[in-house]
Protein backbone atom coordinates (compact mmCIF):
# COMPACT_ATOMS: atom_id res chain seq x y z
CA MET A 1 14.45 -31.04 -6.96
CA ASP A 2 16.20 -31.10 -3.57
CA LYS A 3 14.12 -28.39 -1.93
CA ILE A 4 10.92 -26.42 -2.35
CA ASN A 5 11.78 -22.97 -3.70
CA HIS A 6 8.31 -21.39 -3.65
CA ALA A 7 5.51 -21.11 -1.11
CA LEU A 8 2.23 -19.23 -1.43
CA ILE A 9 -0.07 -18.17 1.41
CA MET A 10 -3.65 -17.50 0.39
CA ALA A 11 -4.78 -14.45 2.37
CA ALA A 12 -7.46 -12.80 0.25
CA GLY A 13 -10.58 -13.81 2.17
CA ARG A 14 -12.83 -11.41 4.03
CA GLY A 15 -13.01 -13.40 7.29
CA THR A 16 -16.66 -12.61 7.98
CA ARG A 17 -16.83 -15.12 10.83
CA MET A 18 -14.30 -12.98 12.73
CA ALA A 19 -16.35 -9.78 12.59
CA PRO A 20 -16.33 -7.19 14.08
CA LEU A 21 -12.52 -7.48 14.19
CA THR A 22 -12.35 -8.00 10.43
CA ASN A 23 -14.46 -4.92 9.79
CA VAL A 24 -11.36 -3.01 10.88
CA ILE A 25 -8.39 -5.14 9.78
CA PRO A 26 -7.93 -8.04 7.33
CA LYS A 27 -8.20 -11.44 9.01
CA PRO A 28 -4.53 -12.36 8.36
CA MET A 29 -3.53 -9.37 10.51
CA ALA A 30 -5.47 -10.64 13.53
CA PRO A 31 -3.25 -10.37 16.62
CA LEU A 32 -1.47 -13.60 17.55
CA TRP A 33 1.26 -14.03 20.17
CA GLY A 34 2.31 -10.39 20.05
CA SER A 35 2.44 -10.35 16.26
CA THR A 36 -0.11 -11.29 13.58
CA LEU A 37 -1.64 -14.49 12.28
CA ILE A 38 0.07 -14.25 8.89
CA ALA A 39 3.39 -13.09 10.34
CA ASN A 40 3.51 -16.32 12.34
CA GLY A 41 3.29 -18.34 9.12
CA ILE A 42 5.69 -16.17 7.12
CA LYS A 43 8.39 -16.24 9.80
CA LYS A 44 8.33 -20.04 9.75
CA LEU A 45 8.59 -20.20 5.95
CA ILE A 46 11.23 -17.59 5.15
CA PRO A 47 14.21 -19.48 6.69
CA GLN A 48 13.29 -22.60 4.70
CA ILE A 49 11.89 -21.36 1.36
CA ALA A 50 13.56 -18.77 -0.88
CA ASN A 51 10.41 -17.25 -2.41
CA VAL A 52 7.29 -16.63 -0.34
CA HIS A 53 4.26 -15.23 -2.19
CA ILE A 54 0.94 -13.93 -0.82
CA THR A 55 -2.50 -13.41 -2.36
CA VAL A 56 -4.43 -10.42 -1.03
CA GLY A 57 -7.98 -9.21 -1.58
CA TYR A 58 -10.04 -7.68 1.20
CA LYS A 59 -8.18 -4.62 2.58
CA GLY A 60 -5.41 -5.68 0.23
CA ALA A 61 -3.26 -2.54 0.33
CA GLU A 62 -2.99 -2.68 4.12
CA LEU A 63 -2.19 -6.39 4.10
CA ALA A 64 0.31 -6.04 1.22
CA LYS A 65 2.24 -3.37 3.13
CA HIS A 66 2.32 -5.61 6.21
CA VAL A 67 3.65 -8.72 4.43
CA ILE A 68 6.19 -6.79 2.33
CA GLU A 69 7.65 -5.45 5.56
CA LEU A 70 7.94 -9.07 6.70
CA GLY A 71 10.10 -9.90 3.67
CA VAL A 72 7.81 -11.76 1.26
CA HIS A 73 8.93 -12.07 -2.35
CA SER A 74 5.73 -11.01 -4.15
CA VAL A 75 2.09 -10.10 -3.59
CA PHE A 76 -0.76 -10.97 -5.99
CA SER A 77 -4.03 -9.08 -5.81
CA THR A 78 -6.90 -11.52 -6.31
CA GLU A 79 -9.73 -9.30 -5.10
CA GLY A 80 -13.04 -10.50 -6.51
CA LYS A 81 -11.47 -13.73 -7.75
CA GLY A 82 -11.70 -17.32 -6.52
CA ASN A 83 -9.02 -18.93 -4.37
CA SER A 84 -7.40 -20.84 -7.26
CA TRP A 85 -7.44 -17.95 -9.77
CA TRP A 86 -3.76 -17.21 -9.18
CA ILE A 87 -2.69 -20.65 -10.48
CA PHE A 88 -3.89 -19.77 -13.96
CA ASN A 89 -3.57 -15.98 -14.15
CA THR A 90 -0.25 -14.94 -12.57
CA LEU A 91 3.41 -15.65 -13.25
CA MET A 92 3.05 -18.64 -10.91
CA SER A 93 1.27 -20.45 -13.76
CA LYS A 94 4.62 -21.05 -15.48
CA LEU A 95 6.29 -22.77 -12.54
CA ASP A 96 7.07 -26.39 -13.36
CA GLU A 97 8.10 -27.33 -9.84
CA PRO A 98 6.48 -27.96 -6.46
CA VAL A 99 4.87 -25.00 -4.70
CA LEU A 100 3.87 -25.27 -1.05
CA VAL A 101 0.40 -23.72 -0.63
CA LEU A 102 -1.06 -22.71 2.73
CA THR A 103 -3.92 -20.59 4.00
CA SER A 104 -3.33 -17.59 6.22
CA ASP A 105 -5.54 -18.99 8.98
CA ASN A 106 -3.39 -22.11 9.44
CA VAL A 107 -1.29 -22.27 12.59
CA THR A 108 1.00 -25.16 11.86
CA ASP A 109 4.46 -26.68 12.13
CA LEU A 110 5.64 -28.49 9.00
CA LYS A 111 8.57 -30.73 8.21
CA ILE A 112 8.94 -29.35 4.70
CA ASP A 113 11.72 -31.77 3.73
CA SER A 114 9.52 -34.72 4.75
CA LEU A 115 6.60 -33.35 2.73
CA LEU A 116 8.83 -32.93 -0.33
CA ALA A 117 10.13 -36.49 0.05
CA GLU A 118 6.53 -37.73 0.17
CA TYR A 119 5.63 -35.65 -2.90
CA LYS A 120 8.53 -37.23 -4.78
CA ARG A 121 7.50 -40.71 -3.57
CA LEU A 122 4.11 -40.10 -5.15
CA ASN A 123 5.84 -39.27 -8.44
CA ASN A 124 5.56 -35.47 -8.34
CA PRO A 125 1.79 -35.18 -8.96
CA ALA A 126 -0.06 -32.07 -10.09
CA CYS A 127 -1.43 -31.77 -6.56
CA MET A 128 -0.83 -33.46 -3.22
CA VAL A 129 -3.09 -32.37 -0.39
CA VAL A 130 -1.74 -32.62 3.15
CA PRO A 131 -4.22 -34.23 5.55
CA VAL A 132 -4.79 -33.74 9.26
CA LEU A 133 -6.68 -35.71 11.86
CA PRO A 134 -10.16 -34.25 12.43
CA ILE A 135 -10.41 -31.79 15.31
CA PRO A 136 -13.79 -31.30 17.03
CA GLY A 137 -15.28 -27.95 16.11
CA LEU A 138 -13.16 -27.46 12.98
CA VAL A 139 -14.84 -28.10 9.63
CA GLY A 140 -12.99 -29.79 6.77
CA ASP A 141 -13.38 -31.89 3.64
CA TYR A 142 -12.89 -35.55 4.52
CA ILE A 143 -10.36 -37.34 2.30
CA HIS A 144 -11.32 -40.71 0.86
CA HIS A 145 -8.36 -42.37 -0.82
CA GLU A 146 -6.86 -45.64 -1.93
CA ASN A 147 -3.10 -45.88 -1.46
CA ASN A 148 -2.80 -42.06 -1.38
CA HIS A 149 -4.87 -41.72 -4.55
CA VAL A 150 -7.79 -39.41 -3.68
CA ILE A 151 -11.11 -40.74 -4.94
CA LYS A 152 -13.46 -38.34 -3.13
CA LEU A 153 -13.49 -35.23 -0.96
CA ASP A 154 -16.66 -34.98 1.07
CA ARG A 155 -17.62 -32.63 3.91
CA ASN A 156 -20.45 -34.88 5.12
CA ASN A 157 -19.11 -38.43 4.75
CA PRO A 158 -16.53 -38.95 7.54
CA ALA A 159 -13.12 -40.48 6.92
CA GLU A 160 -9.92 -40.83 8.96
CA SER A 161 -8.49 -37.49 7.85
CA TYR A 162 -9.46 -34.27 6.19
CA CYS A 163 -7.91 -31.46 4.17
CA SER A 164 -5.82 -29.02 6.18
CA GLY A 165 -5.61 -26.21 3.63
CA ILE A 166 -1.98 -27.21 3.03
CA GLN A 167 -0.94 -28.74 -0.28
CA ILE A 168 1.92 -29.05 -2.72
CA ILE A 169 1.02 -28.24 -6.31
CA ASN A 170 2.78 -27.96 -9.65
CA PRO A 171 1.10 -24.98 -11.36
CA SER A 172 2.41 -25.82 -14.83
CA LYS A 173 1.07 -29.38 -14.62
CA ILE A 174 -2.33 -28.14 -13.46
CA ASN A 175 -2.50 -25.68 -16.37
CA LYS A 176 -1.75 -28.49 -18.81
CA LEU A 177 -4.48 -30.70 -17.34
CA MET A 178 -7.39 -28.24 -17.26
CA ASP A 179 -8.84 -24.94 -18.32
CA PRO A 180 -8.73 -22.14 -15.73
CA ALA A 181 -10.83 -22.65 -12.60
CA GLU A 182 -11.72 -20.10 -9.94
CA ASP A 183 -12.05 -22.39 -6.94
CA PHE A 184 -9.88 -25.12 -5.45
CA GLY A 185 -12.95 -27.32 -5.06
CA GLU A 186 -13.30 -27.31 -8.83
CA VAL A 187 -9.57 -27.88 -9.34
CA TRP A 188 -9.64 -30.89 -7.03
CA SER A 189 -12.77 -32.32 -8.70
CA ARG A 190 -11.16 -32.13 -12.12
CA LEU A 191 -7.95 -33.69 -10.83
CA ILE A 192 -9.91 -36.53 -9.22
CA GLU A 193 -11.62 -37.17 -12.57
CA GLN A 194 -8.18 -37.48 -14.17
CA GLN A 195 -6.78 -39.54 -11.25
CA GLU A 196 -4.25 -36.80 -10.59
CA LEU A 197 -5.07 -35.85 -6.98
CA PHE A 198 -3.04 -37.45 -4.21
CA CYS A 199 -2.84 -37.12 -0.43
CA SER A 200 0.24 -37.25 1.73
CA SER A 201 0.96 -39.90 4.34
CA VAL A 202 2.99 -37.23 6.18
CA PHE A 203 0.91 -35.08 8.52
CA PRO A 204 1.80 -31.68 10.04
CA GLU A 205 3.40 -31.90 13.48
CA LYS A 206 0.95 -29.29 14.75
CA TRP A 207 -2.12 -27.86 13.05
CA PHE A 208 -5.01 -25.59 13.91
CA THR A 209 -7.08 -23.18 11.86
CA ILE A 210 -8.53 -19.93 13.14
CA ASP A 211 -11.98 -19.01 11.82
CA THR A 212 -13.61 -17.30 14.79
CA ILE A 213 -12.77 -14.81 17.56
CA GLU A 214 -13.18 -17.66 20.06
CA GLN A 215 -10.57 -19.77 18.26
CA LEU A 216 -8.22 -16.77 18.07
CA THR A 217 -8.61 -16.19 21.82
CA LEU A 218 -7.98 -19.89 22.51
CA MET A 219 -4.80 -19.83 20.42
CA ASN A 220 -3.54 -16.60 22.04
CA ASN A 221 -4.01 -18.22 25.45
CA SER A 222 -1.91 -21.22 24.42
CA LYS A 223 1.86 -21.40 24.00
CA ALA A 224 3.38 -20.37 20.67
């Protein structure tokens, strides 16, 4: 595998922490740099990855129309489902190759070729989470690992890095290792039990996540 052919952006959440804005529009359509939060991510992926997929839920029809106009390959409705439901219950489940997974609230710059090289170095695992350095004010699951082998994810026990919401997974491998799970926390726990969860030594060049109106305002006031 010389390149990653599929990416999926999870964009189904309600975004309650960004109310009242998200009472009107889905969080991924929050205004960012003259466009939208999710458009920023899609525009970075499309030149590099042939097939970009999106999960939608809250205000899904509106969001689906928006991302289709941006040129995504497919949209999966996961309304009422957990964030990992799509791995087991859509056509993605059959993919026996790396899939880059992001969340719609990530504002990031990725060296995708470097991440793929790291994934291959780790022997193409079922899942490789991409860590970031902790940022004050942003909550994350701390990654405890030994030589890239994740042994624990813990929100309360600090470590040098934590999960960014970015990962590379092989859906087919995950389906072979476990029964369907609704939540990525459960997926990761089961993979840790089977010693199949790894973390990258390659970090994003830039990373921030937008969960509140204040963070959105801060990002809009910074340079793209």
